[in-house]
Amino acid sequence: MVAGFLSSFCSLPFDNAKTKLQKMKKGPDGTFPYKNIFDTMGKTIKNEGFTHLWVGYPTFYLRIAPHVCITLILQDFITDHIKTYRSRN
């Protein structure tokens, strides 16, 4: 679950910025509010504050942590089986 915590913590700012990019609409002057993912993060920090990069963290953690746990367990399981298979041959 610690790996899920760290994975969620590191990836959520990028996921939030990606979502803002996907949902952006042109302003009254016909331009988009964001240029790229880093511009989105910078404007979020400037307009809403640094902590807003992690808005929705509990929900994101509950979605990502089980995925990370299952992935790491399966990776260990498959790696052990491959090592056992290779040692026999």
PDB file of N, CA and C in Angstrom:
ATOM      1  N   MET A   1       0.834  -1.204   0.000  1.00  0.00           N
ATOM      2  CA  MET A   1       0.000   0.000   0.000  1.00  0.00           C
ATOM      3  C   MET A   1       0.877   1.265   0.000  1.00  0.00           C
ATOM      4  N   VAL A   2       2.106   1.123   0.522  1.00  0.00           N
ATOM      5  CA  VAL A   2       3.029   2.269   0.496  1.00  0.00           C
ATOM      6  C   VAL A   2       3.386   2.605  -0.948  1.00  0.00           C
ATOM      7  N   ALA A   3       3.602   1.564  -1.760  1.00  0.00           N
ATOM      8  CA  ALA A   3       3.905   1.796  -3.174  1.00  0.00           C
ATOM      9  C   ALA A   3       2.722   2.484  -3.857  1.00  0.00           C
ATOM     10  N   GLY A   4       1.504   2.112  -3.498  1.00  0.00           N
ATOM     11  CA  GLY A   4       0.321   2.760  -4.037  1.00  0.00           C
ATOM     12  C   GLY A   4       0.235   4.214  -3.622  1.00  0.00           C
ATOM     13  N   PHE A   5       0.601   4.488  -2.362  1.00  0.00           N
ATOM     14  CA  PHE A   5       0.604   5.863  -1.863  1.00  0.00           C
ATOM     15  C   PHE A   5       1.576   6.715  -2.669  1.00  0.00           C
ATOM     16  N   LEU A   6       2.809   6.209  -2.830  1.00  0.00           N
ATOM     17  CA  LEU A   6       3.834   6.974  -3.554  1.00  0.00           C
ATOM     18  C   LEU A   6       3.478   7.118  -5.029  1.00  0.00           C
ATOM     19  N   SER A   7       2.963   6.068  -5.612  1.00  0.00           N
ATOM     20  CA  SER A   7       2.566   6.122  -7.020  1.00  0.00           C
ATOM     21  C   SER A   7       1.460   7.154  -7.224  1.00  0.00           C
ATOM     22  N   SER A   8       0.475   7.139  -6.358  1.00  0.00           N
ATOM     23  CA  SER A   8      -0.631   8.102  -6.450  1.00  0.00           C
ATOM     24  C   SER A   8      -0.135   9.522  -6.238  1.00  0.00           C
ATOM     25  N   PHE A   9       0.711   9.696  -5.243  1.00  0.00           N
ATOM     26  CA  PHE A   9       1.215  11.025  -4.902  1.00  0.00           C
ATOM     27  C   PHE A   9       2.011  11.624  -6.061  1.00  0.00           C
ATOM     28  N   CYS A  10       2.820  10.805  -6.711  1.00  0.00           N
ATOM     29  CA  CYS A  10       3.665  11.308  -7.800  1.00  0.00           C
ATOM     30  C   CYS A  10       2.900  11.508  -9.108  1.00  0.00           C
ATOM     31  N   SER A  11       1.896  10.701  -9.350  1.00  0.00           N
ATOM     32  CA  SER A  11       1.219  10.784 -10.646  1.00  0.00           C
ATOM     33  C   SER A  11      -0.023  11.673 -10.658  1.00  0.00           C
ATOM     34  N   LEU A  12      -0.619  11.955  -9.511  1.00  0.00           N
ATOM     35  CA  LEU A  12      -1.855  12.743  -9.490  1.00  0.00           C
ATOM     36  C   LEU A  12      -1.702  14.148 -10.069  1.00  0.00           C
ATOM     37  N   PRO A  13      -0.627  14.895  -9.798  1.00  0.00           N
ATOM     38  CA  PRO A  13      -0.528  16.227 -10.417  1.00  0.00           C
ATOM     39  C   PRO A  13      -0.576  16.161 -11.950  1.00  0.00           C
ATOM     40  N   PHE A  14       0.066  15.151 -12.531  1.00  0.00           N
ATOM     41  CA  PHE A  14       0.052  15.003 -13.983  1.00  0.00           C
ATOM     42  C   PHE A  14      -1.335  14.587 -14.478  1.00  0.00           C
ATOM     43  N   ASP A  15      -1.996  13.722 -13.715  1.00  0.00           N
ATOM     44  CA  ASP A  15      -3.336  13.282 -14.088  1.00  0.00           C
ATOM     45  C   ASP A  15      -4.324  14.445 -14.015  1.00  0.00           C
ATOM     46  N   ASN A  16      -4.227  15.251 -12.977  1.00  0.00           N
ATOM     47  CA  ASN A  16      -5.110  16.423 -12.865  1.00  0.00           C
ATOM     48  C   ASN A  16      -4.866  17.409 -14.005  1.00  0.00           C
ATOM     49  N   ALA A  17      -3.600  17.642 -14.347  1.00  0.00           N
ATOM     50  CA  ALA A  17      -3.280  18.551 -15.450  1.00  0.00           C
ATOM     51  C   ALA A  17      -3.785  17.978 -16.771  1.00  0.00           C
ATOM     52  N   LYS A  18      -3.637  16.682 -16.974  1.00  0.00           N
ATOM     53  CA  LYS A  18      -4.126  16.029 -18.193  1.00  0.00           C
ATOM     54  C   LYS A  18      -5.644  16.196 -18.320  1.00  0.00           C
ATOM     55  N   THR A  19      -6.334  16.012 -17.212  1.00  0.00           N
ATOM     56  CA  THR A  19      -7.796  16.160 -17.218  1.00  0.00           C
ATOM     57  C   THR A  19      -8.194  17.589 -17.561  1.00  0.00           C
ATOM     58  N   LYS A  20      -7.480  18.570 -17.013  1.00  0.00           N
ATOM     59  CA  LYS A  20      -7.780  19.972 -17.339  1.00  0.00           C
ATOM     60  C   LYS A  20      -7.541  20.247 -18.820  1.00  0.00           C
ATOM     61  N   LEU A  21      -6.480  19.663 -19.369  1.00  0.00           N
ATOM     62  CA  LEU A  21      -6.210  19.841 -20.799  1.00  0.00           C
ATOM     63  C   LEU A  21      -7.313  19.212 -21.646  1.00  0.00           C
ATOM     64  N   GLN A  22      -7.785  18.044 -21.235  1.00  0.00           N
ATOM     65  CA  GLN A  22      -8.824  17.368 -22.000  1.00  0.00           C
ATOM     66  C   GLN A  22     -10.154  18.113 -21.950  1.00  0.00           C
ATOM     67  N   LYS A  23     -10.435  18.771 -20.845  1.00  0.00           N
ATOM     68  CA  LYS A  23     -11.727  19.434 -20.667  1.00  0.00           C
ATOM     69  C   LYS A  23     -11.715  20.919 -21.010  1.00  0.00           C
ATOM     70  N   MET A  24     -10.566  21.479 -21.401  1.00  0.00           N
ATOM     71  CA  MET A  24     -10.510  22.921 -21.640  1.00  0.00           C
ATOM     72  C   MET A  24     -11.313  23.306 -22.875  1.00  0.00           C
ATOM     73  N   LYS A  25     -11.867  24.492 -22.781  1.00  0.00           N
ATOM     74  CA  LYS A  25     -12.640  25.065 -23.874  1.00  0.00           C
ATOM     75  C   LYS A  25     -12.053  26.433 -24.200  1.00  0.00           C
ATOM     76  N   LYS A  26     -12.274  26.866 -25.408  1.00  0.00           N
ATOM     77  CA  LYS A  26     -11.759  28.173 -25.822  1.00  0.00           C
ATOM     78  C   LYS A  26     -12.407  29.282 -25.007  1.00  0.00           C
ATOM     79  N   GLY A  27     -11.610  30.299 -24.702  1.00  0.00           N
ATOM     80  CA  GLY A  27     -12.109  31.462 -23.977  1.00  0.00           C
ATOM     81  C   GLY A  27     -12.846  32.403 -24.909  1.00  0.00           C
ATOM     82  N   PRO A  28     -13.325  33.525 -24.375  1.00  0.00           N
ATOM     83  CA  PRO A  28     -14.067  34.510 -25.194  1.00  0.00           C
ATOM     84  C   PRO A  28     -13.239  35.065 -26.357  1.00  0.00           C
ATOM     85  N   ASP A  29     -11.918  35.092 -26.176  1.00  0.00           N
ATOM     86  CA  ASP A  29     -11.048  35.613 -27.237  1.00  0.00           C
ATOM     87  C   ASP A  29     -10.653  34.538 -28.260  1.00  0.00           C
ATOM     88  N   GLY A  30     -11.134  33.312 -28.071  1.00  0.00           N
ATOM     89  CA  GLY A  30     -10.872  32.239 -29.027  1.00  0.00           C
ATOM     90  C   GLY A  30      -9.611  31.430 -28.783  1.00  0.00           C
ATOM     91  N   THR A  31      -8.913  31.710 -27.671  1.00  0.00           N
ATOM     92  CA  THR A  31      -7.696  30.957 -27.365  1.00  0.00           C
ATOM     93  C   THR A  31      -7.963  29.972 -26.227  1.00  0.00           C
ATOM     94  N   PHE A  32      -7.157  28.950 -26.207  1.00  0.00           N
ATOM     95  CA  PHE A  32      -7.257  27.974 -25.129  1.00  0.00           C
ATOM     96  C   PHE A  32      -6.508  28.491 -23.898  1.00  0.00           C
ATOM     97  N   PRO A  33      -6.965  28.127 -22.695  1.00  0.00           N
ATOM     98  CA  PRO A  33      -6.322  28.647 -21.486  1.00  0.00           C
ATOM     99  C   PRO A  33      -4.949  28.030 -21.196  1.00  0.00           C
ATOM    100  N   TYR A  34      -4.665  26.846 -21.721  1.00  0.00           N
ATOM    101  CA  TYR A  34      -3.402  26.168 -21.436  1.00  0.00           C
ATOM    102  C   TYR A  34      -2.684  25.791 -22.728  1.00  0.00           C
ATOM    103  N   LYS A  35      -1.350  25.820 -22.679  1.00  0.00           N
ATOM    104  CA  LYS A  35      -0.544  25.465 -23.850  1.00  0.00           C
ATOM    105  C   LYS A  35      -0.091  24.004 -23.802  1.00  0.00           C
ATOM    106  N   ASN A  36       0.318  23.560 -22.621  1.00  0.00           N
ATOM    107  CA  ASN A  36       0.810  22.194 -22.451  1.00  0.00           C
ATOM    108  C   ASN A  36       0.635  21.787 -20.984  1.00  0.00           C
ATOM    109  N   ILE A  37       1.086  20.594 -20.654  1.00  0.00           N
ATOM    110  CA  ILE A  37       0.857  20.062 -19.303  1.00  0.00           C
ATOM    111  C   ILE A  37       1.581  20.896 -18.236  1.00  0.00           C
ATOM    112  N   PHE A  38       2.763  21.396 -18.559  1.00  0.00           N
ATOM    113  CA  PHE A  38       3.513  22.165 -17.566  1.00  0.00           C
ATOM    114  C   PHE A  38       2.921  23.566 -17.396  1.00  0.00           C
ATOM    115  N   ASP A  39       2.399  24.127 -18.466  1.00  0.00           N
ATOM    116  CA  ASP A  39       1.687  25.398 -18.371  1.00  0.00           C
ATOM    117  C   ASP A  39       0.445  25.230 -17.503  1.00  0.00           C
ATOM    118  N   THR A  40      -0.239  24.101 -17.676  1.00  0.00           N
ATOM    119  CA  THR A  40      -1.428  23.810 -16.871  1.00  0.00           C
ATOM    120  C   THR A  40      -1.064  23.725 -15.392  1.00  0.00           C
ATOM    121  N   MET A  41       0.017  23.014 -15.076  1.00  0.00           N
ATOM    122  CA  MET A  41       0.437  22.890 -13.672  1.00  0.00           C
ATOM    123  C   MET A  41       0.851  24.248 -13.105  1.00  0.00           C
ATOM    124  N   GLY A  42       1.582  25.021 -13.882  1.00  0.00           N
ATOM    125  CA  GLY A  42       2.024  26.338 -13.424  1.00  0.00           C
ATOM    126  C   GLY A  42       0.855  27.270 -13.145  1.00  0.00           C
ATOM    127  N   LYS A  43      -0.112  27.271 -14.040  1.00  0.00           N
ATOM    128  CA  LYS A  43      -1.285  28.139 -13.838  1.00  0.00           C
ATOM    129  C   LYS A  43      -2.148  27.646 -12.682  1.00  0.00           C
ATOM    130  N   THR A  44      -2.196  26.334 -12.473  1.00  0.00           N
ATOM    131  CA  THR A  44      -2.939  25.797 -11.330  1.00  0.00           C
ATOM    132  C   THR A  44      -2.293  26.268 -10.030  1.00  0.00           C
ATOM    133  N   ILE A  45      -0.976  26.180  -9.956  1.00  0.00           N
ATOM    134  CA  ILE A  45      -0.259  26.624  -8.752  1.00  0.00           C
ATOM    135  C   ILE A  45      -0.472  28.125  -8.536  1.00  0.00           C
ATOM    136  N   LYS A  46      -0.363  28.895  -9.615  1.00  0.00           N
ATOM    137  CA  LYS A  46      -0.505  30.354  -9.512  1.00  0.00           C
ATOM    138  C   LYS A  46      -1.918  30.770  -9.099  1.00  0.00           C
ATOM    139  N   ASN A  47      -2.934  30.158  -9.706  1.00  0.00           N
ATOM    140  CA  ASN A  47      -4.318  30.592  -9.490  1.00  0.00           C
ATOM    141  C   ASN A  47      -5.011  29.911  -8.316  1.00  0.00           C
ATOM    142  N   GLU A  48      -4.650  28.651  -8.035  1.00  0.00           N
ATOM    143  CA  GLU A  48      -5.373  27.884  -7.020  1.00  0.00           C
ATOM    144  C   GLU A  48      -4.519  27.470  -5.830  1.00  0.00           C
ATOM    145  N   GLY A  49      -3.202  27.479  -6.015  1.00  0.00           N
ATOM    146  CA  GLY A  49      -2.303  27.072  -4.937  1.00  0.00           C
ATOM    147  C   GLY A  49      -1.653  25.722  -5.226  1.00  0.00           C
ATOM    148  N   PHE A  50      -0.493  25.522  -4.622  1.00  0.00           N
ATOM    149  CA  PHE A  50       0.312  24.318  -4.850  1.00  0.00           C
ATOM    150  C   PHE A  50      -0.439  23.036  -4.502  1.00  0.00           C
ATOM    151  N   THR A  51      -1.201  23.070  -3.417  1.00  0.00           N
ATOM    152  CA  THR A  51      -1.884  21.856  -2.965  1.00  0.00           C
ATOM    153  C   THR A  51      -3.011  21.410  -3.903  1.00  0.00           C
ATOM    154  N   HIS A  52      -3.450  22.281  -4.793  1.00  0.00           N
ATOM    155  CA  HIS A  52      -4.522  21.916  -5.721  1.00  0.00           C
ATOM    156  C   HIS A  52      -4.056  20.949  -6.802  1.00  0.00           C
ATOM    157  N   LEU A  53      -2.754  20.699  -6.877  1.00  0.00           N
ATOM    158  CA  LEU A  53      -2.270  19.666  -7.788  1.00  0.00           C
ATOM    159  C   LEU A  53      -2.711  18.282  -7.301  1.00  0.00           C
ATOM    160  N   TRP A  54      -3.049  18.169  -6.018  1.00  0.00           N
ATOM    161  CA  TRP A  54      -3.445  16.886  -5.432  1.00  0.00           C
ATOM    162  C   TRP A  54      -4.924  16.839  -5.064  1.00  0.00           C
ATOM    163  N   VAL A  55      -5.744  17.650  -5.719  1.00  0.00           N
ATOM    164  CA  VAL A  55      -7.191  17.610  -5.481  1.00  0.00           C
ATOM    165  C   VAL A  55      -7.713  16.235  -5.887  1.00  0.00           C
ATOM    166  N   GLY A  56      -8.506  15.639  -5.026  1.00  0.00           N
ATOM    167  CA  GLY A  56      -9.071  14.322  -5.312  1.00  0.00           C
ATOM    168  C   GLY A  56      -8.154  13.169  -4.951  1.00  0.00           C
ATOM    169  N   TYR A  57      -7.154  13.431  -4.102  1.00  0.00           N
ATOM    170  CA  TYR A  57      -6.185  12.391  -3.770  1.00  0.00           C
ATOM    171  C   TYR A  57      -6.814  11.131  -3.158  1.00  0.00           C
ATOM    172  N   PRO A  58      -7.715  11.236  -2.172  1.00  0.00           N
ATOM    173  CA  PRO A  58      -8.262  10.000  -1.581  1.00  0.00           C
ATOM    174  C   PRO A  58      -8.922   9.077  -2.611  1.00  0.00           C
ATOM    175  N   THR A  59      -9.700   9.658  -3.501  1.00  0.00           N
ATOM    176  CA  THR A  59     -10.358   8.860  -4.540  1.00  0.00           C
ATOM    177  C   THR A  59      -9.327   8.257  -5.485  1.00  0.00           C
ATOM    178  N   PHE A  60      -8.346   9.045  -5.879  1.00  0.00           N
ATOM    179  CA  PHE A  60      -7.301   8.569  -6.785  1.00  0.00           C
ATOM    180  C   PHE A  60      -6.510   7.440  -6.131  1.00  0.00           C
ATOM    181  N   TYR A  61      -6.189   7.595  -4.847  1.00  0.00           N
ATOM    182  CA  TYR A  61      -5.449   6.555  -4.120  1.00  0.00           C
ATOM    183  C   TYR A  61      -6.241   5.255  -4.066  1.00  0.00           C
ATOM    184  N   LEU A  62      -7.523   5.341  -3.770  1.00  0.00           N
ATOM    185  CA  LEU A  62      -8.346   4.132  -3.694  1.00  0.00           C
ATOM    186  C   LEU A  62      -8.463   3.435  -5.045  1.00  0.00           C
ATOM    187  N   ARG A  63      -8.297   4.180  -6.114  1.00  0.00           N
ATOM    188  CA  ARG A  63      -8.344   3.593  -7.448  1.00  0.00           C
ATOM    189  C   ARG A  63      -6.989   3.019  -7.865  1.00  0.00           C
ATOM    190  N   ILE A  64      -5.897   3.697  -7.526  1.00  0.00           N
ATOM    191  CA  ILE A  64      -4.571   3.323  -8.012  1.00  0.00           C
ATOM    192  C   ILE A  64      -3.865   2.319  -7.100  1.00  0.00           C
ATOM    193  N   ALA A  65      -4.008   2.441  -5.784  1.00  0.00           N
ATOM    194  CA  ALA A  65      -3.271   1.575  -4.850  1.00  0.00           C
ATOM    195  C   ALA A  65      -3.516   0.089  -5.089  1.00  0.00           C
ATOM    196  N   PRO A  66      -4.756  -0.372  -5.243  1.00  0.00           N
ATOM    197  CA  PRO A  66      -4.934  -1.805  -5.517  1.00  0.00           C
ATOM    198  C   PRO A  66      -4.280  -2.232  -6.828  1.00  0.00           C
ATOM    199  N   HIS A  67      -4.338  -1.376  -7.825  1.00  0.00           N
ATOM    200  CA  HIS A  67      -3.699  -1.674  -9.109  1.00  0.00           C
ATOM    201  C   HIS A  67      -2.192  -1.859  -8.940  1.00  0.00           C
ATOM    202  N   VAL A  68      -1.565  -0.966  -8.187  1.00  0.00           N
ATOM    203  CA  VAL A  68      -0.123  -1.049  -7.960  1.00  0.00           C
ATOM    204  C   VAL A  68       0.216  -2.306  -7.162  1.00  0.00           C
ATOM    205  N   CYS A  69      -0.562  -2.608  -6.128  1.00  0.00           N
ATOM    206  CA  CYS A  69      -0.316  -3.811  -5.314  1.00  0.00           C
ATOM    207  C   CYS A  69      -0.417  -5.076  -6.161  1.00  0.00           C
ATOM    208  N   ILE A  70      -1.467  -5.186  -6.947  1.00  0.00           N
ATOM    209  CA  ILE A  70      -1.644  -6.371  -7.793  1.00  0.00           C
ATOM    210  C   ILE A  70      -0.517  -6.472  -8.813  1.00  0.00           C
ATOM    211  N   THR A  71      -0.138  -5.359  -9.410  1.00  0.00           N
ATOM    212  CA  THR A  71       0.945  -5.364 -10.392  1.00  0.00           C
ATOM    213  C   THR A  71       2.255  -5.838  -9.774  1.00  0.00           C
ATOM    214  N   LEU A  72       2.607  -5.328  -8.595  1.00  0.00           N
ATOM    215  CA  LEU A  72       3.863  -5.728  -7.956  1.00  0.00           C
ATOM    216  C   LEU A  72       3.841  -7.192  -7.519  1.00  0.00           C
ATOM    217  N   ILE A  73       2.713  -7.659  -7.012  1.00  0.00           N
ATOM    218  CA  ILE A  73       2.605  -9.068  -6.605  1.00  0.00           C
ATOM    219  C   ILE A  73       2.737  -9.980  -7.820  1.00  0.00           C
ATOM    220  N   LEU A  74       2.048  -9.646  -8.904  1.00  0.00           N
ATOM    221  CA  LEU A  74       2.150 -10.450 -10.121  1.00  0.00           C
ATOM    222  C   LEU A  74       3.549 -10.410 -10.722  1.00  0.00           C
ATOM    223  N   GLN A  75       4.193  -9.264 -10.649  1.00  0.00           N
ATOM    224  CA  GLN A  75       5.560  -9.162 -11.158  1.00  0.00           C
ATOM    225  C   GLN A  75       6.491 -10.086 -10.375  1.00  0.00           C
ATOM    226  N   ASP A  76       6.378 -10.106  -9.057  1.00  0.00           N
ATOM    227  CA  ASP A  76       7.193 -11.007  -8.236  1.00  0.00           C
ATOM    228  C   ASP A  76       6.883 -12.468  -8.539  1.00  0.00           C
ATOM    229  N   PHE A  77       5.610 -12.791  -8.671  1.00  0.00           N
ATOM    230  CA  PHE A  77       5.178 -14.158  -8.958  1.00  0.00           C
ATOM    231  C   PHE A  77       5.738 -14.640 -10.299  1.00  0.00           C
ATOM    232  N   ILE A  78       5.593 -13.822 -11.331  1.00  0.00           N
ATOM    233  CA  ILE A  78       6.073 -14.194 -12.662  1.00  0.00           C
ATOM    234  C   ILE A  78       7.592 -14.271 -12.691  1.00  0.00           C
ATOM    235  N   THR A  79       8.267 -13.334 -12.036  1.00  0.00           N
ATOM    236  CA  THR A  79       9.728 -13.354 -11.988  1.00  0.00           C
ATOM    237  C   THR A  79      10.232 -14.627 -11.316  1.00  0.00           C
ATOM    238  N   ASP A  80       9.620 -15.017 -10.199  1.00  0.00           N
ATOM    239  CA  ASP A  80      10.016 -16.254  -9.515  1.00  0.00           C
ATOM    240  C   ASP A  80       9.796 -17.468 -10.401  1.00  0.00           C
ATOM    241  N   HIS A  81       8.695 -17.518 -11.105  1.00  0.00           N
ATOM    242  CA  HIS A  81       8.425 -18.652 -11.989  1.00  0.00           C
ATOM    243  C   HIS A  81       9.403 -18.707 -13.161  1.00  0.00           C
ATOM    244  N   ILE A  82       9.753 -17.562 -13.698  1.00  0.00           N
ATOM    245  CA  ILE A  82      10.729 -17.529 -14.793  1.00  0.00           C
ATOM    246  C   ILE A  82      12.092 -17.990 -14.292  1.00  0.00           C
ATOM    247  N   LYS A  83      12.508 -17.537 -13.118  1.00  0.00           N
ATOM    248  CA  LYS A  83      13.793 -17.969 -12.554  1.00  0.00           C
ATOM    249  C   LYS A  83      13.802 -19.466 -12.308  1.00  0.00           C
ATOM    250  N   THR A  84      12.697 -20.013 -11.793  1.00  0.00           N
ATOM    251  CA  THR A  84      12.590 -21.454 -11.550  1.00  0.00           C
ATOM    252  C   THR A  84      12.658 -22.211 -12.872  1.00  0.00           C
ATOM    253  N   TYR A  85      11.964 -21.740 -13.876  1.00  0.00           N
ATOM    254  CA  TYR A  85      11.968 -22.375 -15.181  1.00  0.00           C
ATOM    255  C   TYR A  85      13.362 -22.370 -15.805  1.00  0.00           C
ATOM    256  N   ARG A  86      14.054 -21.229 -15.716  1.00  0.00           N
ATOM    257  CA  ARG A  86      15.393 -21.125 -16.293  1.00  0.00           C
ATOM    258  C   ARG A  86      16.402 -21.984 -15.540  1.00  0.00           C
ATOM    259  N   SER A  87      16.241 -22.130 -14.246  1.00  0.00           N
ATOM    260  CA  SER A  87      17.194 -22.943 -13.463  1.00  0.00           C
ATOM    261  C   SER A  87      17.046 -24.421 -13.774  1.00  0.00           C
ATOM    262  N   ARG A  88      15.884 -24.864 -14.225  1.00  0.00           N
ATOM    263  CA  ARG A  88      15.666 -26.261 -14.587  1.00  0.00           C
ATOM    264  C   ARG A  88      16.307 -26.607 -15.927  1.00  0.00           C
ATOM    265  N   ASN A  89      16.407 -25.638 -16.798  1.00  0.00           N
ATOM    266  CA  ASN A  89      16.930 -25.903 -18.155  1.00  0.00           C
ATOM    267  C   ASN A  89      18.381 -25.583 -18.274  1.00  0.00           C
TER     268      ASN A  89
END
